[in-house]
Protein backbone atom coordinates (compact mmCIF):
# COMPACT_ATOMS: atom_id res chain seq x y z
CA UNK A 1 -62.32 33.55 5.42
CA UNK A 2 -59.21 35.12 6.95
CA UNK A 3 -59.29 32.59 9.78
CA UNK A 4 -59.33 29.73 7.22
CA UNK A 5 -56.23 31.13 5.44
CA UNK A 6 -54.32 31.40 8.74
CA UNK A 7 -55.09 27.77 9.57
CA UNK A 8 -53.84 26.61 6.15
CA UNK A 9 -50.61 28.55 6.60
CA UNK A 10 -49.89 26.91 9.95
CA UNK A 11 -50.27 23.37 8.58
CA UNK A 12 -47.56 23.72 5.89
CA UNK A 13 -43.98 24.76 6.75
CA UNK A 14 -42.76 27.85 4.96
CA UNK A 15 -41.05 27.24 1.62
CA UNK A 16 -37.77 28.75 2.87
CA UNK A 17 -37.65 26.26 5.77
CA UNK A 18 -38.04 23.31 3.40
CA UNK A 19 -35.29 24.67 1.12
CA UNK A 20 -33.00 25.27 4.09
CA UNK A 21 -33.57 21.72 5.38
CA UNK A 22 -32.76 20.21 1.98
CA UNK A 23 -29.63 22.37 1.68
CA UNK A 24 -28.51 21.35 5.17
CA UNK A 25 -29.02 17.67 4.33
CA UNK A 26 -26.98 17.97 1.11
CA UNK A 27 -24.20 19.81 2.97
CA UNK A 28 -24.10 17.06 5.61
CA UNK A 29 -23.80 14.39 2.89
CA UNK A 30 -21.01 16.34 1.20
CA UNK A 31 -19.13 16.77 4.49
CA UNK A 32 -19.49 13.06 5.32
CA UNK A 33 -18.19 12.14 1.86
CA UNK A 34 -15.22 14.53 2.19
CA UNK A 35 -14.28 13.17 5.62
CA UNK A 36 -14.52 9.61 4.35
CA UNK A 37 -12.17 10.34 1.41
CA UNK A 38 -9.66 12.10 3.66
CA UNK A 39 -9.51 9.00 5.87
CA UNK A 40 -8.92 6.87 2.75
CA UNK A 41 -6.19 9.24 1.54
CA UNK A 42 -4.54 9.11 4.96
CA UNK A 43 -4.16 5.35 4.50
CA UNK A 44 -2.55 5.91 1.10
CA UNK A 45 0.29 7.94 2.62
CA UNK A 46 1.88 4.83 4.07
CA UNK A 47 0.78 2.61 1.21
CA UNK A 48 2.66 -0.64 1.07
CA UNK A 49 5.60 0.66 3.04
CA UNK A 50 6.28 -0.67 6.50
CA UNK A 51 4.67 1.35 9.34
CA UNK A 52 8.10 2.48 10.55
CA UNK A 53 8.94 4.15 7.21
CA UNK A 54 10.02 7.76 7.63
CA UNK A 55 7.59 10.23 6.11
CA UNK A 56 9.52 13.22 7.41
CA UNK A 57 13.07 14.47 7.18
CA UNK A 58 15.34 14.71 10.20
CA UNK A 59 14.36 18.39 10.64
CA UNK A 60 10.65 17.49 10.93
CA UNK A 61 9.58 18.64 7.45
CA UNK A 62 7.49 16.33 5.29
CA UNK A 63 9.34 14.56 2.51
CA UNK A 64 8.98 15.79 -1.05
CA UNK A 65 9.03 12.47 -2.87
CA UNK A 66 9.12 14.21 -6.27
CA UNK A 67 12.57 15.71 -5.61
CA UNK A 68 15.45 13.25 -5.68
CA UNK A 69 17.50 11.06 -7.96
CA UNK A 70 17.79 7.49 -9.21
CA UNK A 71 20.39 5.44 -7.32
CA UNK A 72 21.60 1.90 -7.84
CA UNK A 73 20.07 -0.39 -5.26
CA UNK A 74 22.87 -1.98 -3.19
CA UNK A 75 20.67 -5.05 -2.68
CA UNK A 76 18.91 -5.63 -6.01
CA UNK A 77 15.62 -7.45 -5.84
CA UNK A 78 14.62 -10.34 -8.06
CA UNK A 79 12.46 -9.37 -11.04
CA UNK A 80 8.75 -9.35 -10.18
CA UNK A 81 7.85 -10.56 -13.64
CA UNK A 82 9.48 -12.25 -16.61
CA UNK A 83 8.85 -12.39 -20.34
CA UNK A 84 5.80 -14.63 -19.81
CA UNK A 85 3.81 -11.94 -17.95
CA UNK A 86 0.72 -11.12 -20.05
CA UNK A 87 -0.78 -8.56 -17.63
CA UNK A 88 1.77 -5.86 -18.47
CA UNK A 89 1.00 -3.73 -21.52
CA UNK A 90 3.08 -5.04 -24.44
CA UNK A 91 4.94 -1.75 -24.96
CA UNK A 92 5.96 -1.53 -21.29
CA UNK A 93 7.29 -5.07 -20.89
CA UNK A 94 11.00 -4.44 -21.45
CA UNK A 95 11.92 -8.06 -20.74
CA UNK A 96 9.64 -9.65 -23.34
CA UNK A 97 10.48 -6.89 -25.84
CA UNK A 98 14.14 -7.90 -25.58
CA UNK A 99 15.49 -4.57 -24.29
CA UNK A 100 19.20 -5.15 -23.81
CA UNK A 101 19.40 -3.60 -20.33
CA UNK A 102 15.93 -4.65 -19.09
CA UNK A 103 17.22 -6.58 -16.08
CA UNK A 104 19.72 -3.82 -15.28
CA UNK A 105 16.87 -1.30 -15.07
CA UNK A 106 15.37 -3.27 -12.19
CA UNK A 107 18.48 -2.56 -10.08
CA UNK A 108 17.68 1.17 -9.79
CA UNK A 109 15.43 2.83 -7.24
CA UNK A 110 14.18 6.36 -6.52
CA UNK A 111 15.89 8.14 -3.59
CA UNK A 112 14.08 11.32 -2.44
CA UNK A 113 16.37 14.15 -1.34
CA UNK A 114 17.02 13.89 2.41
CA UNK A 115 14.36 11.23 3.04
CA UNK A 116 14.27 7.51 3.58
CA UNK A 117 12.03 5.61 1.16
CA UNK A 118 12.12 1.88 1.92
CA UNK A 119 11.26 -0.67 -0.73
CA UNK A 120 7.58 -1.33 -1.29
CA UNK A 121 6.29 -4.50 0.35
CA UNK A 122 3.60 -5.75 -2.08
CA UNK A 123 2.10 -8.24 0.40
CA UNK A 124 1.70 -5.52 3.05
CA UNK A 125 0.21 -3.17 0.43
CA UNK A 126 -2.35 -5.72 -0.78
CA UNK A 127 -3.29 -6.68 2.77
CA UNK A 128 -3.71 -3.03 3.82
CA UNK A 129 -5.96 -2.14 0.88
CA UNK A 130 -7.99 -5.36 0.64
CA UNK A 131 -11.63 -4.59 -0.29
CA UNK A 132 -10.86 -0.89 -0.76
CA UNK A 133 -11.22 1.28 -3.84
CA UNK A 134 -7.77 2.77 -4.47
CA UNK A 135 -8.60 4.88 -7.50
CA UNK A 136 -10.61 5.23 -10.62
CA UNK A 137 -8.66 5.58 -13.82
CA UNK A 138 -11.22 4.59 -16.42
CA UNK A 139 -10.95 7.95 -18.15
CA UNK A 140 -7.19 7.49 -18.66
CA UNK A 141 -7.49 4.54 -21.00
CA UNK A 142 -8.56 4.81 -24.60
């Protein structure tokens, strides 16, 4: 009888080995997913800006894009939309809402402290992120 029990034990892997294999598989999937998202985020750092855009200051530090001020653009760009644009949320469309300085607002741009932030090139941005999932914001809308 003891010989029969030993044979049965050899045919089935120990429970701990099965659990360890499953855990290792899940960890590998998680690591693959994390690496894939970091590659996607790396692409977002340049976004729609030209490849030669400076992401660092002159002293080699990375730019803090949240620290800076609004400056008047010396070369104002033409408005990207007018009062007929229906894709912009009604409350945010300053032009169609008749805001007196709506067109003047388009002449300002954000200038990070000590960094160069060129204007966004929408065509380059759309080409770079074609067929990619940029973000999920479904929980932000109510």
